[in-house]
């Protein structure tokens, strides 16, 4: 296999890793940003791109690390302000994971909402108080997923730019 063929194969592998990472935003078990970043890493290490590949890798690393920090810090701060405890989120995460396997894909959302609502209902003792906290938790989870997805898209765009420009 020649250098150009190797570069093409490496680029396809990188693209598949980035796409898998973007899918990992909604699929449990797929680490979204590490997969996106890993695709760029494979391309930088084994592809036939020019010296600019290291700049692309550095930028992708900053975006991935920043995305990981922000995806937890921003929604977490909002939940802390709203008074939603971590135990409620953990209950939602566990039931969301169970729900994902019981009712593929849709069960993730149903389980998460049900888990947070049940935990908040037990904690607060009133259904009317549990629902607003559940909505805040769902909003925070959505914000976290959006941040992760946008970070992955930026990593993918950096890679495409590096592919075209190097």
Protein backbone atom coordinates (compact mmCIF):
# COMPACT_ATOMS: atom_id res chain seq x y z
CA UNK A 1 0.00 0.00 0.00
CA UNK A 2 1.41 3.37 -1.00
CA UNK A 3 1.53 6.50 1.09
CA UNK A 4 -1.53 7.99 -0.59
CA UNK A 5 -3.55 4.81 -0.09
CA UNK A 6 -2.46 4.67 3.53
CA UNK A 7 -3.48 8.27 4.01
CA UNK A 8 -6.90 7.53 2.51
CA UNK A 9 -7.43 4.53 4.79
CA UNK A 10 -6.32 6.53 7.83
CA UNK A 11 -8.66 9.38 6.84
CA UNK A 12 -11.60 6.96 6.55
CA UNK A 13 -10.78 5.51 9.97
CA UNK A 14 -10.58 9.03 11.42
CA UNK A 15 -13.91 9.99 9.83
CA UNK A 16 -15.58 6.85 11.21
CA UNK A 17 -14.20 7.55 14.68
CA UNK A 18 -15.51 11.13 14.58
CA UNK A 19 -18.94 9.97 13.38
CA UNK A 20 -19.02 7.29 16.09
CA UNK A 21 -18.13 9.97 18.61
CA UNK A 22 -21.01 12.16 17.46
CA UNK A 23 -23.34 9.15 17.76
CA UNK A 24 -21.89 8.60 21.24
CA UNK A 25 -23.59 11.76 22.43
CA UNK A 26 -26.87 9.83 22.55
CA UNK A 27 -25.68 6.21 22.71
CA UNK A 28 -24.52 4.98 26.11
CA UNK A 29 -21.17 3.27 26.10
CA UNK A 30 -19.62 5.32 23.31
CA UNK A 31 -17.32 8.02 24.71
CA UNK A 32 -18.22 10.88 22.39
CA UNK A 33 -15.41 13.40 22.68
CA UNK A 34 -12.61 10.87 23.23
CA UNK A 35 -13.69 9.11 20.02
CA UNK A 36 -13.77 12.36 18.05
CA UNK A 37 -10.38 13.37 19.42
CA UNK A 38 -9.01 9.86 18.85
CA UNK A 39 -9.97 10.08 15.19
CA UNK A 40 -7.93 13.25 14.82
CA UNK A 41 -5.06 11.66 16.76
CA UNK A 42 -4.97 8.63 14.43
CA UNK A 43 -5.05 10.93 11.41
CA UNK A 44 -2.23 13.10 12.82
CA UNK A 45 -0.04 10.14 13.72
CA UNK A 46 -0.55 7.86 10.74
CA UNK A 47 -1.97 10.00 7.94
CA UNK A 48 0.03 11.60 5.18
CA UNK A 49 -0.96 15.16 6.05
CA UNK A 50 1.62 17.91 6.32
CA UNK A 51 3.08 19.54 9.40
CA UNK A 52 -0.22 21.39 10.00
CA UNK A 53 -1.67 18.15 11.36
CA UNK A 54 -0.06 18.87 14.73
CA UNK A 55 -1.78 22.24 14.90
CA UNK A 56 -5.09 20.54 14.08
CA UNK A 57 -4.44 17.94 16.80
CA UNK A 58 -3.56 20.66 19.32
CA UNK A 59 -6.75 22.59 18.52
CA UNK A 60 -8.83 19.39 18.70
CA UNK A 61 -7.26 18.60 22.07
CA UNK A 62 -8.18 22.02 23.44
CA UNK A 63 -11.75 21.71 22.15
CA UNK A 64 -12.13 18.18 23.56
CA UNK A 65 -10.79 19.11 26.99
CA UNK A 66 -12.80 22.33 27.07
CA UNK A 67 -15.94 20.48 25.97
CA UNK A 68 -15.53 17.85 28.69
CA UNK A 69 -15.08 20.48 31.39
CA UNK A 70 -17.92 22.72 30.20
CA UNK A 71 -20.37 19.83 29.65
CA UNK A 72 -20.21 19.04 33.37
CA UNK A 73 -19.56 22.47 34.89
CA UNK A 74 -22.25 24.59 33.22
CA UNK A 75 -25.26 22.26 33.64
CA UNK A 76 -23.98 21.20 37.07
CA UNK A 77 -23.86 24.79 38.24
CA UNK A 78 -27.41 25.36 36.99
CA UNK A 79 -28.65 22.27 38.85
CA UNK A 80 -26.86 23.27 42.02
CA UNK A 81 -28.55 26.67 41.89
CA UNK A 82 -31.91 24.97 41.37
CA UNK A 83 -31.31 22.62 44.31
CA UNK A 84 -31.45 19.36 42.36
CA UNK A 85 -29.16 16.87 44.16
CA UNK A 86 -26.69 14.54 42.50
CA UNK A 87 -28.59 11.50 43.84
CA UNK A 88 -31.59 12.42 41.70
CA UNK A 89 -29.38 12.65 38.63
CA UNK A 90 -27.78 9.30 39.44
CA UNK A 91 -31.22 7.71 39.76
CA UNK A 92 -32.09 9.16 36.36
CA UNK A 93 -28.84 7.91 34.84
CA UNK A 94 -29.31 4.38 36.17
CA UNK A 95 -32.93 4.12 35.05
CA UNK A 96 -32.02 5.76 31.74
CA UNK A 97 -29.40 3.09 31.11
CA UNK A 98 -31.85 0.33 32.02
CA UNK A 99 -34.50 1.97 29.86
CA UNK A 100 -32.11 2.11 26.91
CA UNK A 101 -31.86 -1.67 26.89
CA UNK A 102 -35.52 -2.31 27.64
CA UNK A 103 -36.86 0.13 25.04
CA UNK A 104 -33.92 0.86 22.68
CA UNK A 105 -32.98 4.55 22.34
CA UNK A 106 -36.33 6.01 23.52
CA UNK A 107 -36.00 4.16 26.83
CA UNK A 108 -32.96 6.25 27.65
CA UNK A 109 -35.05 9.42 27.82
CA UNK A 110 -38.04 7.72 29.48
CA UNK A 111 -35.83 6.07 32.09
CA UNK A 112 -33.91 9.25 32.83
CA UNK A 113 -37.02 11.35 33.28
CA UNK A 114 -38.73 8.63 35.32
CA UNK A 115 -35.69 8.12 37.52
CA UNK A 116 -35.21 11.80 38.28
CA UNK A 117 -38.94 12.27 38.89
CA UNK A 118 -39.13 9.27 41.25
CA UNK A 119 -36.07 10.41 43.20
CA UNK A 120 -37.38 13.96 43.47
CA UNK A 121 -40.85 12.72 44.45
CA UNK A 122 -39.30 10.67 47.26
CA UNK A 123 -37.05 13.53 48.35
CA UNK A 124 -39.63 16.31 48.25
CA UNK A 125 -42.72 14.30 49.14
CA UNK A 126 -44.92 16.12 46.63
CA UNK A 127 -45.55 15.48 42.95
CA UNK A 128 -46.08 19.17 42.23
CA UNK A 129 -42.64 19.99 43.60
CA UNK A 130 -40.93 17.03 41.91
CA UNK A 131 -41.95 17.96 38.38
CA UNK A 132 -40.17 21.38 38.19
CA UNK A 133 -36.97 19.79 39.52
CA UNK A 134 -37.32 17.03 36.92
CA UNK A 135 -37.71 19.58 34.13
CA UNK A 136 -34.57 21.36 35.30
CA UNK A 137 -32.64 18.08 35.34
CA UNK A 138 -33.83 17.18 31.85
CA UNK A 139 -32.86 20.66 30.64
CA UNK A 140 -29.41 20.29 32.18
CA UNK A 141 -28.95 16.87 30.55
CA UNK A 142 -29.98 18.36 27.22
CA UNK A 143 -27.55 21.26 27.66
CA UNK A 144 -24.77 18.81 28.48
CA UNK A 145 -25.52 16.76 25.36
CA UNK A 146 -25.65 19.91 23.22
CA UNK A 147 -22.26 21.07 24.51
CA UNK A 148 -20.77 17.63 23.87
CA UNK A 149 -22.28 17.43 20.37
CA UNK A 150 -21.14 20.92 19.39
CA UNK A 151 -17.65 20.19 20.69
CA UNK A 152 -17.58 17.03 18.57
CA UNK A 153 -18.76 18.97 15.52
CA UNK A 154 -16.02 21.55 16.05
CA UNK A 155 -13.43 18.74 16.32
CA UNK A 156 -14.81 17.25 13.11
CA UNK A 157 -14.68 20.64 11.38
CA UNK A 158 -11.08 21.14 12.50
CA UNK A 159 -10.21 17.73 11.09
CA UNK A 160 -11.93 18.48 7.76
CA UNK A 161 -10.10 21.82 7.58
CA UNK A 162 -6.83 20.04 8.30
CA UNK A 163 -7.62 17.42 5.69
CA UNK A 164 -8.28 20.06 3.06
CA UNK A 165 -5.50 22.49 3.99
CA UNK A 166 -2.60 20.14 4.78
